[in-house]
Amino acid sequence: MRNLAQQTKQAFYFSLGFYLLAIVSKLLQFYLADVLISVGLLLSLVWIVLVLREVMLSVKLSNGERLLLIIFIIFGNILAGVVYFFFIREKVLADAK
């Protein structure tokens, strides 16, 4: 399962970076701010799909934990990503060590 672990984290960081850049661009009224928001949303979709793959393939999670984590990731987006990568991911990937 670790074959996409690094790409998942990179997609999250790029998504976060594009969101922050888009917010700054919007505040400064740059004309490309909407494009940056779109790229951030696309990258967000990529990391969400990769995280859902990690969660579904994990053998350490019970079905209830898996369901709650999936709902949290889908609806929480960036906040859920921060919580997932800093607090939950080690448990999810524990079987790959």
Protein backbone atom coordinates (compact mmCIF):
# COMPACT_ATOMS: atom_id res chain seq x y z
CA MET A 1 0.00 0.00 0.00
CA ARG A 2 2.98 2.30 0.40
CA ASN A 3 3.52 2.58 -3.35
CA LEU A 4 1.31 5.69 -3.50
CA ALA A 5 1.90 6.96 0.04
CA GLN A 6 4.33 9.69 -0.98
CA GLN A 7 2.17 10.82 -3.91
CA THR A 8 -0.84 11.12 -1.61
CA LYS A 9 1.00 13.45 0.73
CA GLN A 10 2.42 15.47 -2.17
CA ALA A 11 -1.03 15.92 -3.69
CA PHE A 12 -2.32 17.18 -0.35
CA TYR A 13 0.52 19.66 0.06
CA PHE A 14 0.15 20.93 -3.51
CA SER A 15 -3.60 21.31 -2.98
CA LEU A 16 -3.00 23.25 0.24
CA GLY A 17 -0.44 25.43 -1.51
CA PHE A 18 -2.76 26.24 -4.39
CA TYR A 19 -5.59 27.07 -1.99
CA LEU A 20 -3.36 29.48 -0.06
CA LEU A 21 -2.04 31.03 -3.27
CA ALA A 22 -5.60 31.40 -4.58
CA ILE A 23 -6.73 33.13 -1.38
CA VAL A 24 -3.84 35.59 -1.54
CA SER A 25 -4.47 36.15 -5.25
CA LYS A 26 -8.17 36.75 -4.63
CA LEU A 27 -7.39 39.25 -1.87
CA LEU A 28 -4.97 41.08 -4.17
CA GLN A 29 -7.51 40.84 -7.00
CA PHE A 30 -5.27 39.01 -9.48
CA TYR A 31 -7.11 37.79 -12.53
CA LEU A 32 -5.79 34.22 -12.28
CA ALA A 33 -7.21 33.59 -8.81
CA ASP A 34 -10.14 31.59 -10.17
CA VAL A 35 -7.78 29.36 -12.14
CA LEU A 36 -5.73 28.71 -9.00
CA ILE A 37 -8.88 27.80 -7.09
CA SER A 38 -9.79 25.34 -9.85
CA VAL A 39 -6.35 23.74 -9.76
CA GLY A 40 -6.55 23.49 -5.97
CA LEU A 41 -9.93 21.78 -6.22
CA LEU A 42 -8.61 19.33 -8.82
CA LEU A 43 -5.61 18.46 -6.66
CA SER A 44 -7.93 18.13 -3.70
CA LEU A 45 -9.94 15.57 -5.60
CA VAL A 46 -6.75 13.63 -6.39
CA TRP A 47 -5.58 13.40 -2.79
CA ILE A 48 -9.06 12.53 -1.55
CA VAL A 49 -9.24 9.60 -3.96
CA LEU A 50 -5.75 8.46 -2.91
CA VAL A 51 -6.63 8.74 0.80
CA LEU A 52 -9.85 6.81 0.26
CA ARG A 53 -7.78 4.10 -1.42
CA GLU A 54 -5.47 3.96 1.63
CA VAL A 55 -8.43 3.75 4.00
CA MET A 56 -10.18 1.03 2.01
CA LEU A 57 -7.04 -1.12 1.76
CA SER A 58 -6.12 -0.81 5.45
CA VAL A 59 -6.48 -3.98 7.47
CA LYS A 60 -6.02 -2.18 10.80
CA LEU A 61 -9.35 -0.30 10.67
CA SER A 62 -12.69 -1.75 11.64
CA ASN A 63 -15.63 -1.19 9.31
CA GLY A 64 -17.07 1.48 11.61
CA GLU A 65 -13.78 3.37 11.77
CA ARG A 66 -13.43 3.06 8.02
CA LEU A 67 -16.92 4.49 7.41
CA LEU A 68 -16.41 7.42 9.81
CA LEU A 69 -13.02 8.20 8.31
CA ILE A 70 -14.41 8.13 4.76
CA ILE A 71 -17.22 10.52 5.68
CA PHE A 72 -14.76 12.79 7.52
CA ILE A 73 -12.33 12.89 4.58
CA ILE A 74 -15.01 13.57 1.97
CA PHE A 75 -16.76 16.36 3.86
CA GLY A 76 -13.81 17.80 5.76
CA ASN A 77 -11.48 18.37 2.79
CA ILE A 78 -8.49 20.47 3.93
CA LEU A 79 -9.19 20.30 7.67
CA ALA A 80 -9.67 16.54 7.38
CA GLY A 81 -6.43 16.31 5.41
CA VAL A 82 -4.46 18.03 8.15
CA VAL A 83 -5.98 15.77 10.82
CA TYR A 84 -5.47 12.67 8.68
CA PHE A 85 -1.84 13.30 7.77
CA PHE A 86 -0.71 14.38 11.24
CA PHE A 87 -2.74 12.11 13.52
CA ILE A 88 -4.48 9.19 11.76
CA ARG A 89 -2.34 8.11 8.82
CA GLU A 90 0.17 6.07 10.83
CA LYS A 91 -2.62 3.79 12.07
CA VAL A 92 -4.06 3.41 8.57
CA LEU A 93 -0.67 2.51 7.02
CA ALA A 94 0.51 0.37 9.96
CA ASP A 95 -0.02 -2.86 8.02
CA ALA A 96 2.45 -1.83 5.31
CA LYS A 97 5.47 -1.71 7.69
